[in-house]
C-alpha atoms as a PDB file:
ATOM      1  CA  MET A   1       1.262 -17.758   2.801  1.00  0.00           C
ATOM      2  CA  PRO A   2      -0.664 -20.293   4.916  1.00  0.00           C
ATOM      3  CA  ASP A   3      -3.227 -17.594   5.776  1.00  0.00           C
ATOM      4  CA  LEU A   4      -3.709 -16.806   2.084  1.00  0.00           C
ATOM      5  CA  GLN A   5      -4.094 -20.485   1.280  1.00  0.00           C
ATOM      6  CA  ALA A   6      -6.624 -20.897   4.078  1.00  0.00           C
ATOM      7  CA  ALA A   7      -8.618 -17.878   2.876  1.00  0.00           C
ATOM      8  CA  LEU A   8      -8.649 -19.168  -0.685  1.00  0.00           C
ATOM      9  CA  ALA A   9      -9.590 -22.672   0.490  1.00  0.00           C
ATOM     10  CA  THR A  10     -12.696 -21.283   2.209  1.00  0.00           C
ATOM     11  CA  LEU A  11     -13.744 -19.303  -0.871  1.00  0.00           C
ATOM     12  CA  PRO A  12     -16.534 -21.239  -2.590  1.00  0.00           C
ATOM     13  CA  LEU A  13     -16.062 -21.317  -6.359  1.00  0.00           C
ATOM     14  CA  PRO A  14     -19.094 -20.362  -8.410  1.00  0.00           C
ATOM     15  CA  THR A  15     -20.609 -23.060 -10.584  1.00  0.00           C
ATOM     16  CA  SER A  16     -21.078 -22.761 -14.331  1.00  0.00           C
ATOM     17  CA  THR A  17     -24.746 -22.005 -13.641  1.00  0.00           C
ATOM     18  CA  ALA A  18     -24.068 -19.211 -11.126  1.00  0.00           C
ATOM     19  CA  ASN A  19     -26.163 -16.081 -11.537  1.00  0.00           C
ATOM     20  CA  ASP A  20     -24.830 -12.522 -11.645  1.00  0.00           C
ATOM     21  CA  ALA A  21     -25.307 -11.957  -7.914  1.00  0.00           C
ATOM     22  CA  GLU A  22     -23.322 -15.088  -7.045  1.00  0.00           C
ATOM     23  CA  LEU A  23     -20.540 -14.103  -9.431  1.00  0.00           C
ATOM     24  CA  GLN A  24     -20.427 -10.587  -7.991  1.00  0.00           C
ATOM     25  CA  THR A  25     -20.251 -11.982  -4.447  1.00  0.00           C
ATOM     26  CA  PHE A  26     -17.401 -14.281  -5.475  1.00  0.00           C
ATOM     27  CA  ALA A  27     -15.548 -11.430  -7.188  1.00  0.00           C
ATOM     28  CA  ALA A  28     -15.962  -9.137  -4.178  1.00  0.00           C
ATOM     29  CA  ARG A  29     -14.673 -11.799  -1.781  1.00  0.00           C
ATOM     30  CA  LEU A  30     -11.721 -12.601  -4.056  1.00  0.00           C
ATOM     31  CA  GLU A  31     -10.863  -8.895  -4.282  1.00  0.00           C
ATOM     32  CA  GLU A  32     -11.057  -8.625  -0.491  1.00  0.00           C
ATOM     33  CA  ILE A  33      -8.653 -11.566  -0.126  1.00  0.00           C
ATOM     34  CA  ALA A  34      -6.267 -10.029  -2.682  1.00  0.00           C
ATOM     35  CA  ARG A  35      -6.295  -6.713  -0.812  1.00  0.00           C
ATOM     36  CA  THR A  36      -5.815  -8.360   2.576  1.00  0.00           C
ATOM     37  CA  TYR A  37      -3.071 -10.832   1.747  1.00  0.00           C
ATOM     38  CA  ARG A  38      -1.324  -9.297  -1.282  1.00  0.00           C
ATOM     39  CA  ASP A  39      -2.154  -5.580  -0.995  1.00  0.00           C
ATOM     40  CA  LEU A  40      -3.807  -5.701  -4.436  1.00  0.00           C
ATOM     41  CA  GLY A  41      -6.999  -4.213  -5.763  1.00  0.00           C
ATOM     42  CA  HIS A  42      -6.776  -0.638  -4.542  1.00  0.00           C
ATOM     43  CA  GLU A  43      -8.078   2.235  -6.639  1.00  0.00           C
ATOM     44  CA  TRP A  44      -5.108   4.210  -7.938  1.00  0.00           C
ATOM     45  CA  ASN A  45      -6.777   7.356  -9.341  1.00  0.00           C
ATOM     46  CA  LEU A  46      -3.924   8.070 -11.756  1.00  0.00           C
ATOM     47  CA  SER A  47      -3.832  11.205 -13.878  1.00  0.00           C
ATOM     48  CA  ALA A  48      -3.693  10.908 -17.674  1.00  0.00           C
ATOM     49  CA  GLU A  49       0.027  11.748 -17.542  1.00  0.00           C
ATOM     50  CA  GLN A  50       0.673   9.034 -14.969  1.00  0.00           C
ATOM     51  CA  VAL A  51      -1.247   6.496 -17.065  1.00  0.00           C
ATOM     52  CA  ALA A  52       0.852   7.451 -20.102  1.00  0.00           C
ATOM     53  CA  LEU A  53       4.067   7.046 -18.095  1.00  0.00           C
ATOM     54  CA  LEU A  54       2.925   3.679 -16.748  1.00  0.00           C
ATOM     55  CA  ASP A  55       2.131   2.569 -20.303  1.00  0.00           C
ATOM     56  CA  LYS A  56       5.630   3.602 -21.445  1.00  0.00           C
ATOM     57  CA  TYR A  57       7.152   1.718 -18.514  1.00  0.00           C
ATOM     58  CA  LEU A  58       5.195  -1.438 -19.333  1.00  0.00           C
ATOM     59  CA  GLN A  59       6.078  -1.192 -23.030  1.00  0.00           C
ATOM     60  CA  ALA A  60       9.769  -0.802 -22.122  1.00  0.00           C
ATOM     61  CA  ASN A  61       9.573  -3.885 -19.912  1.00  0.00           C
ATOM     62  CA  LEU A  62       7.918  -5.841 -22.710  1.00  0.00           C
ATOM     63  CA  LEU A  63      10.703  -4.816 -25.100  1.00  0.00           C
ATOM     64  CA  PHE A  64      13.284  -5.793 -22.482  1.00  0.00           C
ATOM     65  CA  VAL A  65      11.729  -9.250 -22.067  1.00  0.00           C
ATOM     66  CA  GLU A  66      11.566  -9.744 -25.846  1.00  0.00           C
ATOM     67  CA  CYS A  67      15.256  -8.810 -26.158  1.00  0.00           C
ATOM     68  CA  LEU A  68      16.139 -11.027 -23.222  1.00  0.00           C
ATOM     69  CA  ASN A  69      14.379 -13.941 -24.918  1.00  0.00           C
ATOM     70  CA  LEU A  70      16.549 -13.456 -28.000  1.00  0.00           C
ATOM     71  CA  ALA A  71      19.828 -12.990 -26.142  1.00  0.00           C
ATOM     72  CA  TYR A  72      22.104 -15.585 -24.640  1.00  0.00           C
ATOM     73  CA  VAL A  73      22.548 -14.851 -20.959  1.00  0.00           C
ATOM     74  CA  PRO A  74      23.973 -17.212 -18.349  1.00  0.00           C
ATOM     75  CA  ASP A  75      21.305 -16.540 -15.700  1.00  0.00           C
ATOM     76  CA  ARG A  76      18.114 -15.250 -17.294  1.00  0.00           C
ATOM     77  CA  ALA A  77      16.009 -15.852 -14.167  1.00  0.00           C
ATOM     78  CA  ALA A  78      18.293 -13.712 -12.000  1.00  0.00           C
ATOM     79  CA  ILE A  79      18.058 -10.835 -14.469  1.00  0.00           C
ATOM     80  CA  GLU A  80      14.279 -11.107 -14.695  1.00  0.00           C
ATOM     81  CA  ASN A  81      13.921 -11.258 -10.921  1.00  0.00           C
ATOM     82  CA  GLN A  82      16.233  -8.297 -10.402  1.00  0.00           C
ATOM     83  CA  ILE A  83      14.682  -6.097 -13.065  1.00  0.00           C
ATOM     84  CA  LEU A  84      11.035  -7.125 -13.329  1.00  0.00           C
ATOM     85  CA  LEU A  85      10.023  -7.979  -9.770  1.00  0.00           C
ATOM     86  CA  PRO A  86       9.404  -5.354  -7.102  1.00  0.00           C
ATOM     87  CA  PRO A  87      12.115  -4.934  -4.475  1.00  0.00           C
ATOM     88  CA  PRO A  88      11.774  -7.159  -1.399  1.00  0.00           C
END
């Protein structure tokens, strides 16, 4: 985490008057940091069937969270962490 924090600390934020090129440079650098430190931002190249399955999965998770919000459970955070977060 310190490396990620250091990388983000060195990333200059664009100003409200930044032009398109500056914004694109910022976005590219932020994407590079996300890929390097959090393994995010890769192109997935999913088929239409895979996209449909991912959509169903996300909709099921949304329904689960909505039900969980209505239910009384003694340790909601533990359930969310066990079900919704990726395995360690």
